[in-house]
Amino acid sequence: MNVLSIGKTAYDITIPVDAYPQENSKKLLKERLEYSGGPACNVALLLNKWNCETYFAAVLGYDDYGTAIKKELENENIRTSYLETNYEKKTTMNIILVNKSTTSRTIMAIEPDISHIKKTEFNETYDIIYSDGFEYSASIAAFNKNQNAVTLLAASLDNGSDPKEVLALAKHVKYITFSLDFAEKLTKLKADFNNSLTLLNLYKELKEKFPEQTIVVTLKNMGAMYQVNSEVKVMPTISVSEVDRTGSGDIFDGALCYGLGKGYDIEKCIRLANIAAGLSTTKYGVKSAMPLLSDVINYYEQRFGPLETNQQQQYTTQTVTQQPNPMPTNQNDVRLQ
């Protein structure tokens, strides 16, 4: 599969700490992880790791971090012909503190200024196009040229995208993944996991705004909400020993793209994405935590049977109904009535 990932990149420094440091204190640390990062970059890295021919379009700053990102991507054999360098810009840096005792994250994004891709002519034909919403013009150009491609937009508040541009882009794609925060802001509705009716109303409001698109709402550690025929469902996350959720949403999106590109049905795709995202939370960092495709498939097939068949597989899902039932705290084989 040929993949184009368009959006934002950054240089990530992940630092696991025993506890969040107190103000006006000094702490000696011996551990850190440094890799390329940012939503579109993470998706490109995952799909490349999963044996896709991957192209990445973004803007780098003119500094050592930009140079390091490009070199790292080239070493991974990701196609970098659509990476641009802004000689007046510094590369975005994310300093991520992960509390070992609570698994909470504190992210400090250092972004002195913003610039966008200038060249929007893409020469190849792509099977999958992912956009994180940050590069409006480049994304539109790629969508228009590849109208038969699987096109997925990630609508999130985390990467500094202009929400108006994200919503404009949403009209041009086949699939949208909404973060819960973005979905709540857009619909002006608050999801209450003790009342399934609030989830249903939120999803219906999104569907009214984007009736032609397949919508998935990621619910943080509660799973993902989606629709099959007339049923709105929630597929829970897998049970793992979580240490760091950084980038798990990007891993979810990348794995979802992979499944869609393979032609799997939406439930199989979300199941695959849930597994990949869940496994990624068991290690620190993002790139270093990306699971192998073989590990994801093995996890899937041990629990749900062969992946490459049309046989109906069983999976724990919860149908979100009109009743104000609570979301179950025990996510083992529960269906809301």
Protein backbone atom coordinates (compact mmCIF):
# COMPACT_ATOMS: atom_id res chain seq x y z
CA MET A 1 0.00 0.00 0.00
CA ASN A 2 1.15 3.51 -0.82
CA VAL A 3 0.52 5.96 2.01
CA LEU A 4 0.77 9.74 2.23
CA SER A 5 0.76 11.28 5.71
CA ILE A 6 0.36 15.05 5.84
CA GLY A 7 0.66 17.33 8.84
CA LYS A 8 2.80 18.33 11.70
CA THR A 9 6.10 17.06 12.99
CA ALA A 10 8.08 17.74 16.13
CA TYR A 11 11.09 16.52 18.02
CA ASP A 12 9.94 14.60 21.10
CA ILE A 13 11.91 14.22 24.30
CA THR A 14 10.14 11.87 26.71
CA ILE A 15 11.34 11.87 30.32
CA PRO A 16 9.92 9.31 32.78
CA VAL A 17 9.94 10.71 36.33
CA ASP A 18 9.06 9.21 39.69
CA ALA A 19 6.88 12.23 40.48
CA TYR A 20 6.19 15.61 38.94
CA PRO A 21 9.00 17.94 40.06
CA GLN A 22 8.23 20.64 42.57
CA GLU A 23 8.74 24.26 41.61
CA ASN A 24 12.18 25.68 42.42
CA SER A 25 13.71 22.22 42.76
CA LYS A 26 16.41 20.27 40.95
CA LYS A 27 16.23 16.58 40.12
CA LEU A 28 18.91 14.33 38.65
CA LEU A 29 17.50 12.17 35.83
CA LYS A 30 19.25 9.40 33.95
CA GLU A 31 16.61 8.35 31.42
CA ARG A 32 15.14 10.01 28.33
CA LEU A 33 13.86 9.02 24.90
CA GLU A 34 14.38 11.20 21.83
CA TYR A 35 12.59 10.61 18.52
CA SER A 36 10.71 12.28 15.72
CA GLY A 37 7.13 12.98 16.72
CA GLY A 38 3.89 14.77 15.95
CA PRO A 39 0.64 13.10 14.82
CA ALA A 40 1.29 12.83 11.07
CA CYS A 41 4.89 11.79 11.65
CA ASN A 42 3.83 9.09 14.11
CA VAL A 43 1.27 7.73 11.64
CA ALA A 44 3.93 7.68 8.92
CA LEU A 45 6.38 5.86 11.20
CA LEU A 46 3.83 3.22 12.18
CA LEU A 47 2.63 2.49 8.63
CA ASN A 48 6.19 2.35 7.39
CA LYS A 49 6.97 -0.12 10.18
CA TRP A 50 3.96 -2.12 9.00
CA ASN A 51 5.48 -2.50 5.52
CA CYS A 52 3.65 0.28 3.69
CA GLU A 53 5.39 2.51 1.14
CA THR A 54 5.12 5.73 3.11
CA TYR A 55 5.50 9.37 2.10
CA PHE A 56 5.52 12.18 4.63
CA ALA A 57 4.71 15.84 3.94
CA ALA A 58 5.52 18.46 6.57
CA VAL A 59 7.65 21.51 7.38
CA LEU A 60 10.88 21.27 9.35
CA GLY A 61 12.77 24.04 11.04
CA TYR A 62 16.31 24.97 10.13
CA ASP A 63 18.15 23.58 13.14
CA ASP A 64 19.71 20.41 14.50
CA TYR A 65 16.32 18.99 15.45
CA GLY A 66 14.96 19.37 11.92
CA THR A 67 18.08 17.74 10.55
CA ALA A 68 17.75 14.89 13.04
CA ILE A 69 14.10 14.29 12.10
CA LYS A 70 14.85 14.12 8.37
CA LYS A 71 17.83 11.83 8.90
CA GLU A 72 15.81 9.53 11.15
CA LEU A 73 12.98 9.27 8.62
CA GLU A 74 15.39 8.60 5.78
CA ASN A 75 17.08 5.89 7.83
CA GLU A 76 13.63 4.30 8.20
CA ASN A 77 13.19 4.48 4.38
CA ILE A 78 10.26 6.87 4.63
CA ARG A 79 9.99 9.01 1.49
CA THR A 80 10.93 12.57 2.42
CA SER A 81 10.64 14.32 -0.96
CA TYR A 82 7.69 16.34 0.42
CA LEU A 83 9.49 17.50 3.54
CA GLU A 84 10.20 21.22 3.37
CA THR A 85 12.68 23.25 5.43
CA ASN A 86 11.76 26.73 6.55
CA TYR A 87 15.08 28.49 6.99
CA GLU A 88 13.54 31.11 9.27
CA LYS A 89 11.74 28.64 11.54
CA LYS A 90 12.86 26.46 14.42
CA THR A 91 11.57 22.92 14.75
CA THR A 92 8.74 22.33 17.21
CA MET A 93 9.90 20.47 20.32
CA ASN A 94 7.77 18.52 22.77
CA ILE A 95 9.15 17.88 26.25
CA ILE A 96 7.01 15.14 27.78
CA LEU A 97 7.17 14.30 31.47
CA VAL A 98 5.59 10.95 32.29
CA ASN A 99 4.81 10.29 35.94
CA LYS A 100 5.76 6.66 36.60
CA SER A 101 3.51 6.34 39.63
CA THR A 102 0.32 7.74 38.06
CA THR A 103 1.08 7.37 34.27
CA SER A 104 -0.09 10.97 33.82
CA ARG A 105 1.65 13.14 31.22
CA THR A 106 2.69 16.77 31.20
CA ILE A 107 3.63 18.07 27.75
CA MET A 108 5.44 21.32 27.11
CA ALA A 109 5.31 22.17 23.40
CA ILE A 110 7.88 24.72 22.29
CA GLU A 111 6.77 26.26 19.00
CA PRO A 112 8.17 29.74 18.32
CA ASP A 113 6.22 30.22 15.07
CA ILE A 114 4.09 28.35 12.56
CA SER A 115 4.63 27.75 8.86
CA HIS A 116 2.87 25.58 6.31
CA ILE A 117 3.74 23.52 3.26
CA LYS A 118 4.19 25.67 0.16
CA LYS A 119 4.44 23.00 -2.55
CA THR A 120 1.20 21.07 -2.82
CA GLU A 121 1.80 18.99 -5.95
CA PHE A 122 1.95 15.28 -5.18
CA ASN A 123 3.17 13.11 -8.01
CA GLU A 124 2.36 9.62 -6.79
CA THR A 125 -0.96 7.78 -6.51
CA TYR A 126 -1.83 6.79 -2.95
CA ASP A 127 -4.02 4.08 -1.49
CA ILE A 128 -4.26 5.87 1.86
CA ILE A 129 -4.05 9.56 2.74
CA TYR A 130 -3.94 10.65 6.37
CA SER A 131 -4.17 14.27 7.48
CA ASP A 132 -3.90 15.56 11.03
CA GLY A 133 -5.74 18.73 9.98
CA PHE A 134 -2.76 21.06 10.24
CA GLU A 135 -1.99 21.40 6.51
CA TYR A 136 -5.23 22.48 4.84
CA SER A 137 -4.01 23.34 1.34
CA ALA A 138 -1.71 20.36 0.98
CA SER A 139 -4.40 18.00 2.27
CA ILE A 140 -7.02 19.33 -0.15
CA ALA A 141 -4.60 18.99 -3.08
CA ALA A 142 -3.84 15.38 -2.15
CA PHE A 143 -7.51 14.47 -1.61
CA ASN A 144 -8.54 15.97 -4.95
CA LYS A 145 -5.88 14.09 -6.88
CA ASN A 146 -6.56 10.75 -5.17
CA GLN A 147 -10.33 10.51 -5.01
CA ASN A 148 -10.28 6.70 -4.87
CA ALA A 149 -7.95 6.62 -1.88
CA VAL A 150 -8.91 5.86 1.71
CA THR A 151 -8.87 9.36 3.22
CA LEU A 152 -8.81 9.86 6.98
CA LEU A 153 -8.77 13.08 8.98
CA ALA A 154 -7.86 13.26 12.66
CA ALA A 155 -9.86 16.01 14.36
CA SER A 156 -8.06 16.88 17.58
CA LEU A 157 -7.35 19.93 19.72
CA ASP A 158 -3.83 18.79 20.58
CA ASN A 159 -1.72 19.78 17.58
CA GLY A 160 -2.58 23.44 17.12
CA SER A 161 -4.70 23.00 14.00
CA ASP A 162 -7.24 25.68 13.12
CA PRO A 163 -10.62 24.08 14.05
CA LYS A 164 -12.34 25.88 11.15
CA GLU A 165 -9.88 24.39 8.68
CA VAL A 166 -10.27 20.96 10.24
CA LEU A 167 -14.04 21.13 9.81
CA ALA A 168 -13.64 22.31 6.22
CA LEU A 169 -11.31 19.40 5.51
CA ALA A 170 -13.79 16.98 7.07
CA LYS A 171 -16.15 17.51 4.15
CA HIS A 172 -13.52 16.09 1.78
CA VAL A 173 -12.67 12.81 3.50
CA LYS A 174 -14.31 9.42 3.88
CA TYR A 175 -13.34 8.81 7.50
CA ILE A 176 -12.98 11.11 10.51
CA THR A 177 -11.58 10.27 13.93
CA PHE A 178 -12.71 12.81 16.50
CA SER A 179 -10.94 13.09 19.82
CA LEU A 180 -13.50 13.30 22.61
CA ASP A 181 -12.38 16.84 23.48
CA PHE A 182 -12.88 18.04 19.89
CA ALA A 183 -16.25 16.28 19.63
CA GLU A 184 -17.48 17.89 22.85
CA LYS A 185 -16.33 21.34 21.76
CA LEU A 186 -17.93 21.00 18.33
CA THR A 187 -21.28 19.67 19.55
CA LYS A 188 -21.35 21.68 22.80
CA LEU A 189 -22.36 18.42 24.50
CA LYS A 190 -20.60 16.77 27.43
CA ALA A 191 -20.08 13.02 27.45
CA ASP A 192 -20.98 11.40 30.74
CA PHE A 193 -19.82 7.79 30.95
CA ASN A 194 -22.44 7.17 33.62
CA ASN A 195 -25.15 8.05 31.12
CA SER A 196 -24.98 6.38 27.71
CA LEU A 197 -27.62 8.76 26.34
CA THR A 198 -25.08 11.59 26.41
CA LEU A 199 -22.75 9.55 24.19
CA LEU A 200 -25.53 8.73 21.79
CA ASN A 201 -26.60 12.37 21.51
CA LEU A 202 -23.02 13.48 20.93
CA TYR A 203 -22.55 10.93 18.15
CA LYS A 204 -25.87 11.82 16.51
CA GLU A 205 -24.92 15.49 16.51
CA LEU A 206 -21.63 14.69 14.77
CA LYS A 207 -23.42 12.52 12.23
CA GLU A 208 -25.86 15.30 11.44
CA LYS A 209 -22.93 17.59 10.68
CA PHE A 210 -21.09 14.98 8.59
CA PRO A 211 -23.71 12.59 7.17
CA GLU A 212 -21.49 11.31 4.34
CA GLN A 213 -18.49 10.43 6.49
CA THR A 214 -17.76 7.38 8.64
CA ILE A 215 -17.13 8.77 12.12
CA VAL A 216 -15.11 7.27 14.96
CA VAL A 217 -14.86 9.03 18.32
CA THR A 218 -11.92 8.02 20.49
CA LEU A 219 -12.92 7.95 24.15
CA LYS A 220 -9.47 7.95 25.77
CA ASN A 221 -9.17 4.89 28.00
CA MET A 222 -12.85 3.97 27.45
CA GLY A 223 -12.39 2.84 23.85
CA ALA A 224 -13.90 4.06 20.59
CA MET A 225 -17.46 4.94 19.53
CA TYR A 226 -18.70 4.23 16.00
CA GLN A 227 -21.78 3.23 14.04
CA VAL A 228 -22.72 0.04 12.21
CA ASN A 229 -25.95 0.31 10.23
CA SER A 230 -28.33 1.99 12.69
CA GLU A 231 -26.46 0.98 15.86
CA VAL A 232 -24.04 3.25 17.69
CA LYS A 233 -21.52 1.16 19.60
CA VAL A 234 -18.58 1.51 21.95
CA MET A 235 -15.66 -0.89 21.60
CA PRO A 236 -13.64 -0.95 24.83
CA THR A 237 -9.87 -0.71 24.97
CA ILE A 238 -7.85 -3.84 25.61
CA SER A 239 -6.67 -4.60 29.13
CA VAL A 240 -2.94 -3.88 29.54
CA SER A 241 -0.53 -2.60 32.16
CA GLU A 242 -0.38 0.99 30.97
CA VAL A 243 2.68 3.15 31.59
CA ASP A 244 2.44 5.95 28.99
CA ARG A 245 -0.47 6.96 26.72
CA THR A 246 1.58 9.48 24.72
CA GLY A 247 0.85 9.06 21.02
CA SER A 248 -1.63 6.21 21.49
CA GLY A 249 -4.24 8.19 19.54
CA ASP A 250 -1.80 8.50 16.63
CA ILE A 251 -1.13 4.75 16.78
CA PHE A 252 -4.89 4.18 16.75
CA ASP A 253 -5.25 6.35 13.63
CA GLY A 254 -2.33 4.69 11.86
CA ALA A 255 -3.63 1.18 12.55
CA LEU A 256 -7.13 2.27 11.50
CA CYS A 257 -5.69 3.50 8.19
CA TYR A 258 -3.95 0.17 7.72
CA GLY A 259 -7.13 -1.82 8.30
CA LEU A 260 -9.17 0.39 6.00
CA GLY A 261 -6.51 0.10 3.30
CA LYS A 262 -6.68 -3.69 3.61
CA GLY A 263 -10.44 -3.55 3.08
CA TYR A 264 -11.49 -4.78 6.53
CA ASP A 265 -14.94 -3.85 7.82
CA ILE A 266 -15.12 -0.96 10.26
CA GLU A 267 -15.42 -3.13 13.38
CA LYS A 268 -12.40 -5.19 12.42
CA CYS A 269 -10.46 -1.99 11.73
CA ILE A 270 -11.34 -0.48 15.10
CA ARG A 271 -10.52 -3.74 16.85
CA LEU A 272 -7.09 -3.74 15.18
CA ALA A 273 -6.58 -0.06 16.07
CA ASN A 274 -7.60 -0.64 19.69
CA ILE A 275 -5.08 -3.46 20.00
CA ALA A 276 -2.25 -1.43 18.46
CA ALA A 277 -3.00 1.62 20.61
CA GLY A 278 -3.34 -0.48 23.76
CA LEU A 279 -0.06 -2.30 23.21
CA SER A 280 1.70 1.02 22.61
CA THR A 281 0.79 2.22 26.10
CA THR A 282 2.85 -0.52 27.74
CA LYS A 283 6.14 1.25 26.89
CA TYR A 284 7.46 4.79 27.25
CA GLY A 285 7.62 7.15 24.30
CA VAL A 286 5.87 6.85 20.95
CA LYS A 287 8.22 5.52 18.29
CA SER A 288 9.89 3.17 20.77
CA ALA A 289 6.44 1.91 21.83
CA MET A 290 5.02 1.21 18.36
CA PRO A 291 4.04 -2.46 18.23
CA LEU A 292 5.10 -4.78 15.44
CA LEU A 293 2.34 -5.70 13.01
CA SER A 294 2.99 -9.36 13.80
CA ASP A 295 2.39 -8.70 17.52
CA VAL A 296 -0.90 -6.93 16.80
CA ILE A 297 -2.07 -9.71 14.48
CA ASN A 298 -1.05 -12.39 16.98
CA TYR A 299 -2.99 -10.63 19.76
CA TYR A 300 -6.00 -10.31 17.46
CA GLU A 301 -5.98 -13.90 16.23
CA GLN A 302 -5.45 -15.44 19.67
CA ARG A 303 -8.67 -13.80 20.83
CA PHE A 304 -10.84 -13.34 17.75
CA GLY A 305 -9.71 -15.88 15.17
CA PRO A 306 -8.11 -15.39 11.73
CA LEU A 307 -7.78 -11.78 10.61
CA GLU A 308 -7.74 -12.43 6.88
CA THR A 309 -11.18 -14.05 6.60
CA ASN A 310 -14.74 -12.83 6.15
CA GLN A 311 -15.93 -15.05 8.98
CA GLN A 312 -17.97 -13.16 11.55
CA GLN A 313 -15.82 -12.55 14.64
CA GLN A 314 -17.05 -12.02 18.15
CA TYR A 315 -15.90 -8.97 20.11
CA THR A 316 -17.09 -7.15 23.17
CA THR A 317 -19.07 -4.11 22.06
CA GLN A 318 -21.67 -2.00 23.79
CA THR A 319 -24.61 -0.71 21.84
CA VAL A 320 -25.38 2.85 22.87
CA THR A 321 -29.17 3.08 23.15
CA GLN A 322 -31.79 5.67 23.91
CA GLN A 323 -31.83 4.57 27.54
CA PRO A 324 -29.78 6.63 30.02
CA ASN A 325 -27.80 3.57 31.14
CA PRO A 326 -24.35 3.99 32.67
CA MET A 327 -21.28 2.85 30.79
CA PRO A 328 -20.14 -0.29 32.64
CA THR A 329 -17.00 -0.12 34.71
CA ASN A 330 -16.42 -3.79 33.93
CA GLN A 331 -15.95 -3.89 30.18
CA ASN A 332 -16.14 -7.66 29.81
CA ASP A 333 -18.91 -8.68 27.41
CA VAL A 334 -21.51 -6.09 28.40
CA ARG A 335 -24.22 -4.80 26.10
CA LEU A 336 -26.28 -1.77 27.05
CA GLN A 337 -30.04 -2.30 26.76
